[in-house]
Structure formats: structure tokens, C-alpha cells
Amino acid sequence: MNIRKKIMVIGLALPLMLGTASAFAGGKDHDKKGRDRCGSDAHLMHKLDLSDKQQDQLKALRLSARENMKAHHESKEGVRSSHRQEADELVMADKFDKKAAEKFAQNMADQQAKVMVQRMMAQHEMYGVLTPEQKEQFTALKKEASEACKSDKPRHGKKHD
């Protein structure tokens, strides 16, 4: 991986790692309208004809996933500031240490990948609760929502009504 890609990874990974906590801090209704409009999986699941058992299973899976992510974020509290400090030291050093920056970028990318895999596993478990017919309906709803979201997004800094 060349240095530009690694710096880009640092530039992308750091805000993602640090910004995730602020997204959770917004609470339950944080940007709910936008998520519903663009079809969050939970919102789409509510459109399916789920049995009481399925609803209970999904609720338990969402709660478990939420608790896992909360525990992950709480365990990383002190680490975030040290990562920020380490990135600052690399950037503000008299001489740029490419090897250290590459190691830092790889570490950040590895951590982000682990979080993404955890999310995908949780989503897969939730999807597994659905019947084949519901899976088909969910897939169609997700595609619809994705198309609606694409056509609804503001372009290049233009304000969205």
C-alpha cells in the first residue's frame, strides 16, 4: 500500500472511529427521519408481517447487538484519545515516520474492519429470523429504499428540503 493510500486510510478511519461515539450520543431519535427514509433494516423489518415470536427474537438480537457495541465503545474511551494523540504526533513530527504511519493506519483499519464484521454478523442473525417469503419481501423493500435514498440525496453541498 503506498503512502497516499495509507494517509487516506488514516484520514478516513480516524473520523469514523471517533465519530461513531457521537452518533450514538444522539439518542434513539437521532436522525431517525433520515434513516427511515433511506430504509434502515429495523425500519424495513417493521414493514414485514412478523410473528410475535419473530418480533421477540429480533428485539433480543437488536438489544444484544446494541449492548455489544456499547461495551465496545466504552472499552475504547481512553484508546480514542491516545489514537488522536498518536496521529497528531505523527503528523506534527519534524520528520515524517512512514513506517509508524503505515502501522498506525493498518491498526485503525483492522479495528474498523472488526466493528464492521460484528455489525454484519448481527444483521445476518436478524435476517436469519425471517421466513423465505419475508426474506424475498425484505430484499425488495431494501432495494426500493436504496433507490429512493439515492434519488433523495442532496448533491455537492446543495441544501436538502
Protein backbone atom coordinates (compact mmCIF):
# COMPACT_ATOMS: atom_id res chain seq x y z
CA MET A 1 0.00 0.00 0.00
CA ASN A 2 1.56 3.31 -0.99
CA ILE A 3 1.82 6.25 1.40
CA ARG A 4 -1.07 8.21 -0.14
CA LYS A 5 -3.44 5.30 0.39
CA LYS A 6 -2.27 4.87 3.95
CA ILE A 7 -2.68 8.54 4.75
CA MET A 8 -6.12 8.38 3.18
CA VAL A 9 -6.94 5.36 5.36
CA ILE A 10 -5.84 7.32 8.43
CA GLY A 11 -7.85 10.31 7.28
CA LEU A 12 -10.95 8.17 6.80
CA ALA A 13 -10.57 5.75 9.70
CA LEU A 14 -9.86 8.28 12.42
CA PRO A 15 -13.06 10.29 11.99
CA LEU A 16 -15.04 7.08 11.65
CA MET A 17 -13.61 5.68 14.86
CA LEU A 18 -14.04 8.93 16.74
CA GLY A 19 -17.34 9.91 15.16
CA THR A 20 -19.12 6.67 15.97
CA ALA A 21 -19.45 7.60 19.62
CA SER A 22 -21.02 10.95 18.78
CA ALA A 23 -23.55 9.21 16.54
CA PHE A 24 -24.61 7.01 19.44
CA ALA A 25 -24.73 10.01 21.76
CA GLY A 26 -27.59 11.50 19.74
CA GLY A 27 -30.00 9.07 21.33
CA LYS A 28 -32.77 6.90 19.99
CA ASP A 29 -34.35 9.52 17.71
CA HIS A 30 -31.06 10.88 16.32
CA ASP A 31 -31.59 11.36 12.58
CA LYS A 32 -34.48 8.90 12.71
CA LYS A 33 -36.27 10.59 9.84
CA GLY A 34 -33.27 10.18 7.53
CA ARG A 35 -32.74 6.56 8.47
CA ASP A 36 -36.40 5.72 7.91
CA ARG A 37 -36.49 7.49 4.57
CA CYS A 38 -33.40 5.64 3.38
CA GLY A 39 -34.61 2.34 4.80
CA SER A 40 -32.78 1.25 7.90
CA ASP A 41 -33.04 -2.52 8.27
CA ALA A 42 -35.02 -2.16 11.51
CA HIS A 43 -37.50 0.17 9.82
CA LEU A 44 -37.89 -2.23 6.90
CA MET A 45 -38.39 -5.20 9.25
CA HIS A 46 -41.41 -3.39 10.72
CA LYS A 47 -43.00 -3.43 7.27
CA LEU A 48 -42.96 -7.24 7.23
CA ASP A 49 -45.71 -9.39 8.67
CA LEU A 50 -43.65 -10.72 11.58
CA SER A 51 -45.00 -13.19 14.10
CA ASP A 52 -44.81 -12.37 17.80
CA LYS A 53 -42.02 -14.92 18.13
CA GLN A 54 -40.03 -13.27 15.31
CA GLN A 55 -40.55 -9.84 16.84
CA ASP A 56 -39.27 -11.14 20.19
CA GLN A 57 -36.26 -12.75 18.52
CA LEU A 58 -35.41 -9.59 16.60
CA LYS A 59 -35.82 -7.45 19.70
CA ALA A 60 -33.43 -9.73 21.62
CA LEU A 61 -30.91 -9.68 18.75
CA ARG A 62 -31.06 -5.86 18.46
CA LEU A 63 -30.62 -5.49 22.22
CA SER A 64 -27.67 -7.87 22.21
CA ALA A 65 -26.04 -6.07 19.27
CA ARG A 66 -26.61 -2.70 20.93
CA GLU A 67 -25.07 -3.93 24.19
CA ASN A 68 -22.07 -5.38 22.35
CA MET A 69 -21.45 -2.12 20.50
CA LYS A 70 -21.93 -0.10 23.69
CA ALA A 71 -19.43 -2.28 25.52
CA HIS A 72 -17.01 -1.98 22.60
CA HIS A 73 -17.27 1.83 22.59
CA GLU A 74 -16.93 2.10 26.36
CA SER A 75 -13.83 -0.10 26.31
CA LYS A 76 -12.28 2.20 23.68
CA GLU A 77 -12.84 5.51 25.55
CA GLY A 78 -9.23 6.01 26.67
CA VAL A 79 -7.86 4.47 23.49
CA ARG A 80 -9.51 7.13 21.30
CA SER A 81 -7.61 9.99 22.88
CA SER A 82 -4.34 8.07 22.66
CA HIS A 83 -5.03 7.36 18.96
CA ARG A 84 -5.75 11.03 18.38
CA GLN A 85 -2.54 11.94 20.18
CA GLU A 86 -0.52 9.35 18.24
CA ALA A 87 -1.89 10.64 14.92
CA ASP A 88 -1.09 14.22 15.92
CA GLU A 89 2.46 13.25 16.87
CA LEU A 90 2.98 11.52 13.52
CA VAL A 91 1.66 14.50 11.57
CA MET A 92 3.48 17.17 13.59
CA ALA A 93 6.84 15.42 13.87
CA ASP A 94 9.90 17.16 12.43
CA LYS A 95 10.46 14.18 10.16
CA PHE A 96 7.59 12.01 8.92
CA ASP A 97 7.91 8.37 10.00
CA LYS A 98 6.34 6.48 7.14
CA LYS A 99 6.67 3.06 8.82
CA ALA A 100 4.98 4.27 12.00
CA ALA A 101 2.19 5.93 9.99
CA GLU A 102 1.67 2.73 7.99
CA LYS A 103 1.50 0.69 11.19
CA PHE A 104 -0.94 3.18 12.73
CA ALA A 105 -3.13 3.22 9.60
CA GLN A 106 -3.20 -0.57 9.44
CA ASN A 107 -4.14 -0.81 13.12
CA MET A 108 -7.01 1.65 12.63
CA ALA A 109 -8.21 -0.19 9.51
CA ASP A 110 -8.09 -3.53 11.34
CA GLN A 111 -10.15 -2.15 14.21
CA GLN A 112 -12.73 -0.68 11.85
CA ALA A 113 -12.94 -3.99 9.97
CA LYS A 114 -13.65 -5.86 13.23
CA VAL A 115 -16.51 -3.49 14.06
CA MET A 116 -17.94 -3.85 10.56
CA VAL A 117 -17.80 -7.65 10.77
CA GLN A 118 -19.60 -7.56 14.14
CA ARG A 119 -22.36 -5.41 12.62
CA MET A 120 -22.68 -7.68 9.61
CA MET A 121 -22.89 -10.76 11.85
CA ALA A 122 -25.70 -9.16 13.87
CA GLN A 123 -27.57 -8.21 10.68
CA HIS A 124 -27.13 -11.75 9.35
CA GLU A 125 -28.58 -13.21 12.55
CA MET A 126 -31.59 -10.88 12.25
CA TYR A 127 -32.07 -11.76 8.60
CA GLY A 128 -31.97 -15.46 9.59
CA VAL A 129 -35.13 -14.98 11.69
CA LEU A 130 -37.16 -14.30 8.53
CA THR A 131 -39.06 -16.88 6.52
CA PRO A 132 -38.09 -17.34 2.84
CA GLU A 133 -41.11 -15.23 1.80
CA GLN A 134 -40.19 -12.47 4.25
CA LYS A 135 -36.59 -12.54 3.02
CA GLU A 136 -37.85 -12.01 -0.52
CA GLN A 137 -40.10 -9.14 0.60
CA PHE A 138 -37.28 -7.63 2.72
CA THR A 139 -34.89 -7.74 -0.25
CA ALA A 140 -37.45 -5.94 -2.44
CA LEU A 141 -38.10 -3.32 0.26
CA LYS A 142 -34.37 -2.76 0.74
CA LYS A 143 -33.85 -2.27 -2.99
CA GLU A 144 -36.78 0.18 -3.13
CA ALA A 145 -35.46 2.13 -0.16
CA SER A 146 -31.96 2.25 -1.63
CA GLU A 147 -33.28 3.66 -4.90
CA ALA A 148 -35.43 6.23 -3.07
CA CYS A 149 -32.48 7.28 -0.94
CA LYS A 150 -30.20 7.69 -3.97
CA SER A 151 -32.67 9.97 -5.71
CA ASP A 152 -33.36 11.90 -2.49
CA LYS A 153 -29.78 12.81 -1.51
CA PRO A 154 -28.55 16.38 -1.91
CA ARG A 155 -25.69 16.77 -4.36
CA HIS A 156 -22.44 18.69 -3.83
CA GLY A 157 -23.35 20.79 -0.86
CA LYS A 158 -26.80 21.79 -2.04
CA LYS A 159 -29.28 22.10 0.81
CA HIS A 160 -31.94 19.43 1.06
CA ASP A 161 -35.54 20.44 1.82
